[in-house]
């Protein structure tokens, strides 16, 4: 649901034509002449919202890994996010980052 607030002139809200009346004149409107209008819109949904857990998708979905990664991680399928966490944990545990340049790795 979207909510928008708009300021409108009273003559516009009443349906009076503004174009012919004020086309060449610039009028300053005092705050007492303004009205706040609230417009609420909502998109119709064909499916009701579910509150349960949904099936993992994208990078959170477990995928098969190569034999070398299976040996390193100890599993045959793992989500990419979890694989990356385990790889970084190994790097930190074995102090494989260069001390002066953190983005460089010292491979073992």
PDB file of N, CA and C in Angstrom:
ATOM      1  N   UNK A   1       0.856  -1.162   0.000  1.00  0.00           N
ATOM      2  CA  UNK A   1       0.000   0.000   0.000  1.00  0.00           C
ATOM      3  C   UNK A   1       0.899   1.220   0.000  1.00  0.00           C
ATOM      4  N   UNK A   2       0.621   2.147  -0.888  1.00  0.00           N
ATOM      5  CA  UNK A   2       1.399   3.376  -0.976  1.00  0.00           C
ATOM      6  C   UNK A   2       0.590   4.518  -0.400  1.00  0.00           C
ATOM      7  N   UNK A   3       1.257   5.421   0.255  1.00  0.00           N
ATOM      8  CA  UNK A   3       0.606   6.563   0.872  1.00  0.00           C
ATOM      9  C   UNK A   3       1.329   7.810   0.418  1.00  0.00           C
ATOM     10  N   UNK A   4       0.575   8.758  -0.105  1.00  0.00           N
ATOM     11  CA  UNK A   4       1.207  10.013  -0.512  1.00  0.00           C
ATOM     12  C   UNK A   4       0.391  11.172   0.019  1.00  0.00           C
ATOM     13  N   UNK A   5       1.081  12.222   0.397  1.00  0.00           N
ATOM     14  CA  UNK A   5       0.430  13.438   0.875  1.00  0.00           C
ATOM     15  C   UNK A   5       0.632  14.528  -0.160  1.00  0.00           C
ATOM     16  N   UNK A   6      -0.398  15.326  -0.382  1.00  0.00           N
ATOM     17  CA  UNK A   6      -0.288  16.397  -1.367  1.00  0.00           C
ATOM     18  C   UNK A   6      -0.959  17.639  -0.827  1.00  0.00           C
ATOM     19  N   UNK A   7      -0.436  18.796  -1.191  1.00  0.00           N
ATOM     20  CA  UNK A   7      -1.051  20.068  -0.834  1.00  0.00           C
ATOM     21  C   UNK A   7      -1.819  20.567  -2.038  1.00  0.00           C
ATOM     22  N   UNK A   8      -3.058  21.008  -1.841  1.00  0.00           N
ATOM     23  CA  UNK A   8      -3.885  21.447  -2.949  1.00  0.00           C
ATOM     24  C   UNK A   8      -4.551  22.766  -2.595  1.00  0.00           C
ATOM     25  N   UNK A   9      -4.803  23.598  -3.619  1.00  0.00           N
ATOM     26  CA  UNK A   9      -5.545  24.826  -3.426  1.00  0.00           C
ATOM     27  C   UNK A   9      -7.013  24.499  -3.243  1.00  0.00           C
ATOM     28  N   UNK A  10      -7.714  25.282  -2.439  1.00  0.00           N
ATOM     29  CA  UNK A  10      -9.139  25.036  -2.233  1.00  0.00           C
ATOM     30  C   UNK A  10      -9.939  25.084  -3.526  1.00  0.00           C
ATOM     31  N   UNK A  11      -9.564  25.962  -4.449  1.00  0.00           N
ATOM     32  CA  UNK A  11     -10.311  26.044  -5.705  1.00  0.00           C
ATOM     33  C   UNK A  11     -10.135  24.769  -6.526  1.00  0.00           C
ATOM     34  N   UNK A  12      -8.953  24.141  -6.438  1.00  0.00           N
ATOM     35  CA  UNK A  12      -8.717  22.896  -7.155  1.00  0.00           C
ATOM     36  C   UNK A  12      -9.568  21.774  -6.568  1.00  0.00           C
ATOM     37  N   UNK A  13      -9.667  21.751  -5.245  1.00  0.00           N
ATOM     38  CA  UNK A  13     -10.475  20.721  -4.601  1.00  0.00           C
ATOM     39  C   UNK A  13     -11.950  20.900  -4.899  1.00  0.00           C
ATOM     40  N   UNK A  14     -12.383  22.133  -5.074  1.00  0.00           N
ATOM     41  CA  UNK A  14     -13.784  22.392  -5.356  1.00  0.00           C
ATOM     42  C   UNK A  14     -14.129  22.100  -6.806  1.00  0.00           C
ATOM     43  N   UNK A  15     -13.137  21.933  -7.654  1.00  0.00           N
ATOM     44  CA  UNK A  15     -13.386  21.610  -9.041  1.00  0.00           C
ATOM     45  C   UNK A  15     -13.393  22.822  -9.942  1.00  0.00           C
ATOM     46  N   UNK A  16     -12.985  24.009  -9.456  1.00  0.00           N
ATOM     47  CA  UNK A  16     -12.948  25.208 -10.289  1.00  0.00           C
ATOM     48  C   UNK A  16     -11.803  25.106 -11.282  1.00  0.00           C
ATOM     49  N   UNK A  17     -11.996  25.564 -12.519  1.00  0.00           N
ATOM     50  CA  UNK A  17     -10.893  25.531 -13.474  1.00  0.00           C
ATOM     51  C   UNK A  17      -9.842  26.576 -13.107  1.00  0.00           C
ATOM     52  N   UNK A  18      -8.580  26.193 -13.081  1.00  0.00           N
ATOM     53  CA  UNK A  18      -7.501  27.086 -12.689  1.00  0.00           C
ATOM     54  C   UNK A  18      -6.802  27.645 -13.931  1.00  0.00           C
ATOM     55  N   UNK A  19      -6.802  26.924 -15.019  1.00  0.00           N
ATOM     56  CA  UNK A  19      -5.995  27.267 -16.178  1.00  0.00           C
ATOM     57  C   UNK A  19      -6.348  28.637 -16.740  1.00  0.00           C
ATOM     58  N   UNK A  20      -7.600  28.892 -17.040  1.00  0.00           N
ATOM     59  CA  UNK A  20      -7.982  30.158 -17.642  1.00  0.00           C
ATOM     60  C   UNK A  20      -7.892  31.316 -16.678  1.00  0.00           C
ATOM     61  N   UNK A  21      -8.115  31.065 -15.416  1.00  0.00           N
ATOM     62  CA  UNK A  21      -8.185  32.116 -14.412  1.00  0.00           C
ATOM     63  C   UNK A  21      -6.809  32.642 -14.004  1.00  0.00           C
ATOM     64  N   UNK A  22      -5.823  31.733 -13.822  1.00  0.00           N
ATOM     65  CA  UNK A  22      -4.524  32.123 -13.276  1.00  0.00           C
ATOM     66  C   UNK A  22      -3.371  31.766 -14.226  1.00  0.00           C
ATOM     67  N   UNK A  23      -3.602  31.729 -15.516  1.00  0.00           N
ATOM     68  CA  UNK A  23      -2.571  31.240 -16.424  1.00  0.00           C
ATOM     69  C   UNK A  23      -1.346  32.144 -16.486  1.00  0.00           C
ATOM     70  N   UNK A  24      -1.512  33.487 -16.419  1.00  0.00           N
ATOM     71  CA  UNK A  24      -0.358  34.366 -16.565  1.00  0.00           C
ATOM     72  C   UNK A  24       0.043  35.041 -15.255  1.00  0.00           C
ATOM     73  N   UNK A  25      -0.618  34.764 -14.166  1.00  0.00           N
ATOM     74  CA  UNK A  25      -0.317  35.424 -12.898  1.00  0.00           C
ATOM     75  C   UNK A  25       0.306  34.436 -11.923  1.00  0.00           C
ATOM     76  N   UNK A  26       1.242  34.934 -11.147  1.00  0.00           N
ATOM     77  CA  UNK A  26       1.869  34.134 -10.102  1.00  0.00           C
ATOM     78  C   UNK A  26       1.272  34.568  -8.774  1.00  0.00           C
ATOM     79  N   UNK A  27       0.649  33.640  -8.072  1.00  0.00           N
ATOM     80  CA  UNK A  27       0.034  33.957  -6.786  1.00  0.00           C
ATOM     81  C   UNK A  27       0.785  33.244  -5.678  1.00  0.00           C
ATOM     82  N   UNK A  28       1.010  33.938  -4.597  1.00  0.00           N
ATOM     83  CA  UNK A  28       1.586  33.327  -3.412  1.00  0.00           C
ATOM     84  C   UNK A  28       0.443  32.925  -2.508  1.00  0.00           C
ATOM     85  N   UNK A  29       0.437  31.689  -2.103  1.00  0.00           N
ATOM     86  CA  UNK A  29      -0.653  31.154  -1.302  1.00  0.00           C
ATOM     87  C   UNK A  29      -0.199  31.072   0.144  1.00  0.00           C
ATOM     88  N   UNK A  30      -1.010  31.588   1.017  1.00  0.00           N
ATOM     89  CA  UNK A  30      -0.674  31.504   2.437  1.00  0.00           C
ATOM     90  C   UNK A  30      -1.011  30.104   2.933  1.00  0.00           C
ATOM     91  N   UNK A  31      -0.345  29.628   3.998  1.00  0.00           N
ATOM     92  CA  UNK A  31      -0.608  28.285   4.515  1.00  0.00           C
ATOM     93  C   UNK A  31      -2.062  28.065   4.930  1.00  0.00           C
ATOM     94  N   UNK A  32      -2.804  29.130   5.246  1.00  0.00           N
ATOM     95  CA  UNK A  32      -4.198  28.947   5.651  1.00  0.00           C
ATOM     96  C   UNK A  32      -5.079  28.549   4.468  1.00  0.00           C
ATOM     97  N   UNK A  33      -4.625  28.810   3.237  1.00  0.00           N
ATOM     98  CA  UNK A  33      -5.406  28.458   2.054  1.00  0.00           C
ATOM     99  C   UNK A  33      -5.107  27.050   1.545  1.00  0.00           C
ATOM    100  N   UNK A  34      -4.148  26.357   2.150  1.00  0.00           N
ATOM    101  CA  UNK A  34      -3.786  25.023   1.704  1.00  0.00           C
ATOM    102  C   UNK A  34      -4.552  23.962   2.483  1.00  0.00           C
ATOM    103  N   UNK A  35      -4.817  22.852   1.819  1.00  0.00           N
ATOM    104  CA  UNK A  35      -5.441  21.703   2.466  1.00  0.00           C
ATOM    105  C   UNK A  35      -4.566  20.482   2.222  1.00  0.00           C
ATOM    106  N   UNK A  36      -4.482  19.598   3.194  1.00  0.00           N
ATOM    107  CA  UNK A  36      -3.736  18.356   3.034  1.00  0.00           C
ATOM    108  C   UNK A  36      -4.693  17.290   2.534  1.00  0.00           C
ATOM    109  N   UNK A  37      -4.263  16.572   1.511  1.00  0.00           N
ATOM    110  CA  UNK A  37      -5.067  15.509   0.936  1.00  0.00           C
ATOM    111  C   UNK A  37      -4.265  14.231   1.047  1.00  0.00           C
ATOM    112  N   UNK A  38      -4.864  13.182   1.518  1.00  0.00           N
ATOM    113  CA  UNK A  38      -4.196  11.896   1.655  1.00  0.00           C
ATOM    114  C   UNK A  38      -4.761  10.942   0.611  1.00  0.00           C
ATOM    115  N   UNK A  39      -3.866  10.374  -0.181  1.00  0.00           N
ATOM    116  CA  UNK A  39      -4.254   9.447  -1.222  1.00  0.00           C
ATOM    117  C   UNK A  39      -3.678   8.088  -0.853  1.00  0.00           C
ATOM    118  N   UNK A  40      -4.527   7.097  -0.761  1.00  0.00           N
ATOM    119  CA  UNK A  40      -4.091   5.759  -0.400  1.00  0.00           C
ATOM    120  C   UNK A  40      -4.376   4.839  -1.578  1.00  0.00           C
ATOM    121  N   UNK A  41      -3.326   4.150  -2.031  1.00  0.00           N
ATOM    122  CA  UNK A  41      -3.502   3.190  -3.113  1.00  0.00           C
ATOM    123  C   UNK A  41      -2.964   1.845  -2.648  1.00  0.00           C
ATOM    124  N   UNK A  42      -3.520   0.805  -3.161  1.00  0.00           N
ATOM    125  CA  UNK A  42      -3.024  -0.526  -2.827  1.00  0.00           C
ATOM    126  C   UNK A  42      -3.115  -1.402  -4.058  1.00  0.00           C
ATOM    127  N   UNK A  43      -2.142  -2.271  -4.206  1.00  0.00           N
ATOM    128  CA  UNK A  43      -2.135  -3.198  -5.329  1.00  0.00           C
ATOM    129  C   UNK A  43      -2.899  -4.457  -4.936  1.00  0.00           C
ATOM    130  N   UNK A  44      -3.711  -4.940  -5.824  1.00  0.00           N
ATOM    131  CA  UNK A  44      -4.474  -6.156  -5.553  1.00  0.00           C
ATOM    132  C   UNK A  44      -3.547  -7.352  -5.683  1.00  0.00           C
ATOM    133  N   UNK A  45      -3.546  -8.200  -4.697  1.00  0.00           N
ATOM    134  CA  UNK A  45      -2.689  -9.365  -4.700  1.00  0.00           C
ATOM    135  C   UNK A  45      -3.528 -10.598  -5.003  1.00  0.00           C
ATOM    136  N   UNK A  46      -3.005 -11.434  -5.896  1.00  0.00           N
ATOM    137  CA  UNK A  46      -3.738 -12.640  -6.241  1.00  0.00           C
ATOM    138  C   UNK A  46      -3.509 -13.746  -5.213  1.00  0.00           C
ATOM    139  N   UNK A  47      -2.365 -13.702  -4.502  1.00  0.00           N
ATOM    140  CA  UNK A  47      -2.067 -14.713  -3.496  1.00  0.00           C
ATOM    141  C   UNK A  47      -2.036 -14.066  -2.114  1.00  0.00           C
ATOM    142  N   UNK A  48      -2.567 -14.733  -1.118  1.00  0.00           N
ATOM    143  CA  UNK A  48      -2.461 -14.190   0.238  1.00  0.00           C
ATOM    144  C   UNK A  48      -1.028 -14.315   0.741  1.00  0.00           C
ATOM    145  N   UNK A  49      -0.624 -13.395   1.592  1.00  0.00           N
ATOM    146  CA  UNK A  49       0.730 -13.410   2.144  1.00  0.00           C
ATOM    147  C   UNK A  49       0.897 -14.604   3.071  1.00  0.00           C
ATOM    148  N   UNK A  50       2.035 -15.288   2.937  1.00  0.00           N
ATOM    149  CA  UNK A  50       2.309 -16.429   3.797  1.00  0.00           C
ATOM    150  C   UNK A  50       3.267 -15.995   4.891  1.00  0.00           C
ATOM    151  N   UNK A  51       3.080 -16.540   6.072  1.00  0.00           N
ATOM    152  CA  UNK A  51       3.932 -16.170   7.195  1.00  0.00           C
ATOM    153  C   UNK A  51       4.989 -17.223   7.485  1.00  0.00           C
ATOM    154  N   UNK A  52       4.906 -18.384   6.860  1.00  0.00           N
ATOM    155  CA  UNK A  52       5.866 -19.451   7.114  1.00  0.00           C
ATOM    156  C   UNK A  52       7.180 -19.211   6.398  1.00  0.00           C
ATOM    157  N   UNK A  53       8.148 -20.087   6.657  1.00  0.00           N
ATOM    158  CA  UNK A  53       9.448 -19.969   5.989  1.00  0.00           C
ATOM    159  C   UNK A  53       9.319 -20.421   4.550  1.00  0.00           C
ATOM    160  N   UNK A  54       9.951 -19.669   3.655  1.00  0.00           N
ATOM    161  CA  UNK A  54       9.921 -20.071   2.259  1.00  0.00           C
ATOM    162  C   UNK A  54      11.183 -20.834   1.912  1.00  0.00           C
ATOM    163  N   UNK A  55      11.131 -21.505   0.806  1.00  0.00           N
ATOM    164  CA  UNK A  55      12.245 -22.317   0.344  1.00  0.00           C
ATOM    165  C   UNK A  55      13.403 -21.407  -0.071  1.00  0.00           C
ATOM    166  N   UNK A  56      14.650 -21.751   0.264  1.00  0.00           N
ATOM    167  CA  UNK A  56      15.783 -20.900  -0.111  1.00  0.00           C
ATOM    168  C   UNK A  56      15.916 -20.782  -1.627  1.00  0.00           C
ATOM    169  N   UNK A  57      16.287 -19.561  -2.072  1.00  0.00           N
ATOM    170  CA  UNK A  57      16.459 -19.302  -3.497  1.00  0.00           C
ATOM    171  C   UNK A  57      17.773 -18.568  -3.719  1.00  0.00           C
ATOM    172  N   UNK A  58      18.227 -18.556  -4.956  1.00  0.00           N
ATOM    173  CA  UNK A  58      19.420 -17.790  -5.325  1.00  0.00           C
ATOM    174  C   UNK A  58      20.671 -18.279  -4.626  1.00  0.00           C
ATOM    175  N   UNK A  59      21.406 -17.350  -4.007  1.00  0.00           N
ATOM    176  CA  UNK A  59      22.674 -17.719  -3.374  1.00  0.00           C
ATOM    177  C   UNK A  59      22.481 -18.427  -2.043  1.00  0.00           C
ATOM    178  N   UNK A  60      21.260 -18.444  -1.520  1.00  0.00           N
ATOM    179  CA  UNK A  60      21.014 -19.145  -0.255  1.00  0.00           C
ATOM    180  C   UNK A  60      20.559 -20.590  -0.476  1.00  0.00           C
ATOM    181  N   UNK A  61      20.368 -20.979  -1.739  1.00  0.00           N
ATOM    182  CA  UNK A  61      19.953 -22.349  -2.047  1.00  0.00           C
ATOM    183  C   UNK A  61      21.188 -23.245  -2.092  1.00  0.00           C
ATOM    184  N   UNK A  62      21.162 -24.390  -1.409  1.00  0.00           N
ATOM    185  CA  UNK A  62      22.313 -25.299  -1.436  1.00  0.00           C
ATOM    186  C   UNK A  62      22.584 -25.811  -2.850  1.00  0.00           C
ATOM    187  N   UNK A  63      23.840 -25.771  -3.245  1.00  0.00           N
ATOM    188  CA  UNK A  63      24.267 -26.217  -4.574  1.00  0.00           C
ATOM    189  C   UNK A  63      25.386 -27.237  -4.426  1.00  0.00           C
ATOM    190  N   UNK A  64      25.517 -28.149  -5.389  1.00  0.00           N
ATOM    191  CA  UNK A  64      26.642 -29.095  -5.335  1.00  0.00           C
ATOM    192  C   UNK A  64      27.960 -28.358  -5.550  1.00  0.00           C
ATOM    193  N   UNK A  65      29.012 -28.853  -4.885  1.00  0.00           N
ATOM    194  CA  UNK A  65      30.329 -28.233  -5.010  1.00  0.00           C
ATOM    195  C   UNK A  65      31.307 -29.216  -5.626  1.00  0.00           C
ATOM    196  N   UNK A  66      32.440 -28.711  -6.068  1.00  0.00           N
ATOM    197  CA  UNK A  66      33.463 -29.541  -6.718  1.00  0.00           C
ATOM    198  C   UNK A  66      34.082 -30.499  -5.697  1.00  0.00           C
ATOM    199  N   UNK A  67      34.722 -31.558  -6.189  1.00  0.00           N
ATOM    200  CA  UNK A  67      35.366 -32.510  -5.259  1.00  0.00           C
ATOM    201  C   UNK A  67      36.414 -31.854  -4.357  1.00  0.00           C
ATOM    202  N   UNK A  68      37.176 -30.894  -4.878  1.00  0.00           N
ATOM    203  CA  UNK A  68      38.181 -30.213  -4.049  1.00  0.00           C
ATOM    204  C   UNK A  68      37.505 -29.416  -2.935  1.00  0.00           C
ATOM    205  N   UNK A  69      36.395 -28.742  -3.261  1.00  0.00           N
ATOM    206  CA  UNK A  69      35.661 -27.989  -2.238  1.00  0.00           C
ATOM    207  C   UNK A  69      34.974 -28.929  -1.262  1.00  0.00           C
ATOM    208  N   UNK A  70      34.525 -30.098  -1.729  1.00  0.00           N
ATOM    209  CA  UNK A  70      33.926 -31.088  -0.821  1.00  0.00           C
ATOM    210  C   UNK A  70      34.948 -31.515   0.219  1.00  0.00           C
ATOM    211  N   UNK A  71      36.181 -31.704  -0.213  1.00  0.00           N
ATOM    212  CA  UNK A  71      37.238 -32.101   0.716  1.00  0.00           C
ATOM    213  C   UNK A  71      37.527 -30.975   1.712  1.00  0.00           C
ATOM    214  N   UNK A  72      37.541 -29.733   1.227  1.00  0.00           N
ATOM    215  CA  UNK A  72      37.841 -28.590   2.084  1.00  0.00           C
ATOM    216  C   UNK A  72      36.696 -28.293   3.056  1.00  0.00           C
ATOM    217  N   UNK A  73      35.435 -28.275   2.550  1.00  0.00           N
ATOM    218  CA  UNK A  73      34.292 -27.914   3.383  1.00  0.00           C
ATOM    219  C   UNK A  73      33.699 -29.092   4.151  1.00  0.00           C
ATOM    220  N   UNK A  74      33.859 -30.292   3.611  1.00  0.00           N
ATOM    221  CA  UNK A  74      33.331 -31.471   4.289  1.00  0.00           C
ATOM    222  C   UNK A  74      31.874 -31.783   3.963  1.00  0.00           C
ATOM    223  N   UNK A  75      31.287 -31.112   2.976  1.00  0.00           N
ATOM    224  CA  UNK A  75      29.904 -31.376   2.568  1.00  0.00           C
ATOM    225  C   UNK A  75      29.844 -31.408   1.047  1.00  0.00           C
ATOM    226  N   UNK A  76      28.809 -32.094   0.514  1.00  0.00           N
ATOM    227  CA  UNK A  76      28.674 -32.178  -0.934  1.00  0.00           C
ATOM    228  C   UNK A  76      27.805 -31.060  -1.500  1.00  0.00           C
ATOM    229  N   UNK A  77      26.897 -30.514  -0.691  1.00  0.00           N
ATOM    230  CA  UNK A  77      26.047 -29.396  -1.108  1.00  0.00           C
ATOM    231  C   UNK A  77      26.031 -28.343  -0.010  1.00  0.00           C
ATOM    232  N   UNK A  78      26.155 -27.081  -0.405  1.00  0.00           N
ATOM    233  CA  UNK A  78      26.162 -25.996   0.569  1.00  0.00           C
ATOM    234  C   UNK A  78      25.755 -24.701  -0.140  1.00  0.00           C
ATOM    235  N   UNK A  79      25.049 -23.799   0.548  1.00  0.00           N
ATOM    236  CA  UNK A  79      24.760 -22.491  -0.058  1.00  0.00           C
ATOM    237  C   UNK A  79      26.043 -21.684  -0.231  1.00  0.00           C
ATOM    238  N   UNK A  80      26.053 -20.828  -1.231  1.00  0.00           N
ATOM    239  CA  UNK A  80      27.253 -20.017  -1.498  1.00  0.00           C
ATOM    240  C   UNK A  80      27.616 -19.132  -0.316  1.00  0.00           C
ATOM    241  N   UNK A  81      26.608 -18.611   0.374  1.00  0.00           N
ATOM    242  CA  UNK A  81      26.883 -17.736   1.515  1.00  0.00           C
ATOM    243  C   UNK A  81      27.608 -18.490   2.622  1.00  0.00           C
ATOM    244  N   UNK A  82      27.175 -19.702   2.900  1.00  0.00           N
ATOM    245  CA  UNK A  82      27.806 -20.495   3.954  1.00  0.00           C
ATOM    246  C   UNK A  82      29.208 -20.949   3.543  1.00  0.00           C
ATOM    247  N   UNK A  83      29.386 -21.283   2.263  1.00  0.00           N
ATOM    248  CA  UNK A  83      30.716 -21.671   1.777  1.00  0.00           C
ATOM    249  C   UNK A  83      31.693 -20.513   1.944  1.00  0.00           C
ATOM    250  N   UNK A  84      31.263 -19.314   1.593  1.00  0.00           N
ATOM    251  CA  UNK A  84      32.121 -18.144   1.721  1.00  0.00           C
ATOM    252  C   UNK A  84      32.465 -17.869   3.186  1.00  0.00           C
ATOM    253  N   UNK A  85      31.501 -18.052   4.089  1.00  0.00           N
ATOM    254  CA  UNK A  85      31.774 -17.865   5.518  1.00  0.00           C
ATOM    255  C   UNK A  85      32.829 -18.843   6.008  1.00  0.00           C
ATOM    256  N   UNK A  86      32.724 -20.098   5.573  1.00  0.00           N
ATOM    257  CA  UNK A  86      33.695 -21.095   6.009  1.00  0.00           C
ATOM    258  C   UNK A  86      35.078 -20.821   5.421  1.00  0.00           C
ATOM    259  N   UNK A  87      35.138 -20.352   4.178  1.00  0.00           N
ATOM    260  CA  UNK A  87      36.422 -20.033   3.562  1.00  0.00           C
ATOM    261  C   UNK A  87      37.085 -18.876   4.313  1.00  0.00           C
ATOM    262  N   UNK A  88      36.318 -17.824   4.635  1.00  0.00           N
ATOM    263  CA  UNK A  88      36.891 -16.693   5.374  1.00  0.00           C
ATOM    264  C   UNK A  88      37.286 -17.092   6.793  1.00  0.00           C
ATOM    265  N   UNK A  89      36.547 -17.978   7.404  1.00  0.00           N
ATOM    266  CA  UNK A  89      36.926 -18.458   8.733  1.00  0.00           C
ATOM    267  C   UNK A  89      38.277 -19.186   8.671  1.00  0.00           C
ATOM    268  N   UNK A  90      38.483 -19.983   7.621  1.00  0.00           N
ATOM    269  CA  UNK A  90      39.755 -20.685   7.440  1.00  0.00           C
ATOM    270  C   UNK A  90      40.894 -19.688   7.226  1.00  0.00           C
ATOM    271  N   UNK A  91      40.648 -18.667   6.408  1.00  0.00           N
ATOM    272  CA  UNK A  91      41.668 -17.651   6.133  1.00  0.00           C
ATOM    273  C   UNK A  91      42.070 -16.926   7.414  1.00  0.00           C
ATOM    274  N   UNK A  92      41.088 -16.539   8.218  1.00  0.00           N
ATOM    275  CA  UNK A  92      41.378 -15.832   9.475  1.00  0.00           C
ATOM    276  C   UNK A  92      42.065 -16.748  10.482  1.00  0.00           C
ATOM    277  N   UNK A  93      41.613 -18.005  10.567  1.00  0.00           N
ATOM    278  CA  UNK A  93      42.163 -18.951  11.538  1.00  0.00           C
ATOM    279  C   UNK A  93      43.640 -19.241  11.248  1.00  0.00           C
ATOM    280  N   UNK A  94      44.001 -19.347   9.971  1.00  0.00           N
ATOM    281  CA  UNK A  94      45.372 -19.681   9.601  1.00  0.00           C
ATOM    282  C   UNK A  94      46.206 -18.446   9.233  1.00  0.00           C
ATOM    283  N   UNK A  95      45.670 -17.250   9.487  1.00  0.00           N
ATOM    284  CA  UNK A  95      46.377 -15.994   9.275  1.00  0.00           C
ATOM    285  C   UNK A  95      46.957 -15.896   7.857  1.00  0.00           C
ATOM    286  N   UNK A  96      46.071 -16.051   6.859  1.00  0.00           N
ATOM    287  CA  UNK A  96      46.507 -16.066   5.465  1.00  0.00           C
ATOM    288  C   UNK A  96      46.386 -14.715   4.769  1.00  0.00           C
ATOM    289  N   UNK A  97      45.991 -13.674   5.486  1.00  0.00           N
ATOM    290  CA  UNK A  97      45.929 -12.342   4.897  1.00  0.00           C
ATOM    291  C   UNK A  97      47.254 -11.642   5.079  1.00  0.00           C
ATOM    292  N   UNK A  98      47.658 -10.861   4.088  1.00  0.00           N
ATOM    293  CA  UNK A  98      48.872 -10.063   4.222  1.00  0.00           C
ATOM    294  C   UNK A  98      48.634  -9.004   5.292  1.00  0.00           C
ATOM    295  N   UNK A  99      49.625  -8.761   6.134  1.00  0.00           N
ATOM    296  CA  UNK A  99      49.422  -7.847   7.257  1.00  0.00           C
ATOM    297  C   UNK A  99      49.261  -6.394   6.813  1.00  0.00           C
ATOM    298  N   UNK A 100      49.975  -5.984   5.759  1.00  0.00           N
ATOM    299  CA  UNK A 100      49.868  -4.591   5.337  1.00  0.00           C
ATOM    300  C   UNK A 100      48.738  -4.360   4.330  1.00  0.00           C
ATOM    301  N   UNK A 101      48.387  -5.342   3.526  1.00  0.00           N
ATOM    302  CA  UNK A 101      47.301  -5.234   2.543  1.00  0.00           C
ATOM    303  C   UNK A 101      46.258  -6.307   2.834  1.00  0.00           C
ATOM    304  N   UNK A 102      45.187  -5.945   3.451  1.00  0.00           N
ATOM    305  CA  UNK A 102      44.177  -6.919   3.882  1.00  0.00           C
ATOM    306  C   UNK A 102      43.462  -7.604   2.727  1.00  0.00           C
ATOM    307  N   UNK A 103      43.474  -6.996   1.542  1.00  0.00           N
ATOM    308  CA  UNK A 103      42.779  -7.610   0.425  1.00  0.00           C
ATOM    309  C   UNK A 103      43.629  -8.652  -0.303  1.00  0.00           C
ATOM    310  N   UNK A 104      44.899  -8.790   0.073  1.00  0.00           N
ATOM    311  CA  UNK A 104      45.772  -9.803  -0.526  1.00  0.00           C
ATOM    312  C   UNK A 104      45.863 -11.005   0.396  1.00  0.00           C
ATOM    313  N   UNK A 105      45.912 -12.187  -0.196  1.00  0.00           N
ATOM    314  CA  UNK A 105      45.985 -13.416   0.563  1.00  0.00           C
ATOM    315  C   UNK A 105      47.328 -14.093   0.326  1.00  0.00           C
ATOM    316  N   UNK A 106      47.876 -14.688   1.380  1.00  0.00           N
ATOM    317  CA  UNK A 106      49.101 -15.477   1.289  1.00  0.00           C
ATOM    318  C   UNK A 106      48.671 -16.937   1.279  1.00  0.00           C
ATOM    319  N   UNK A 107      48.659 -17.545   0.105  1.00  0.00           N
ATOM    320  CA  UNK A 107      48.152 -18.912  -0.036  1.00  0.00           C
ATOM    321  C   UNK A 107      49.114 -19.916   0.556  1.00  0.00           C
ATOM    322  N   UNK A 108      48.551 -20.976   1.141  1.00  0.00           N
ATOM    323  CA  UNK A 108      49.402 -22.031   1.712  1.00  0.00           C
ATOM    324  C   UNK A 108      49.539 -23.189   0.782  1.00  0.00           C
TER     325      UNK A 108
END
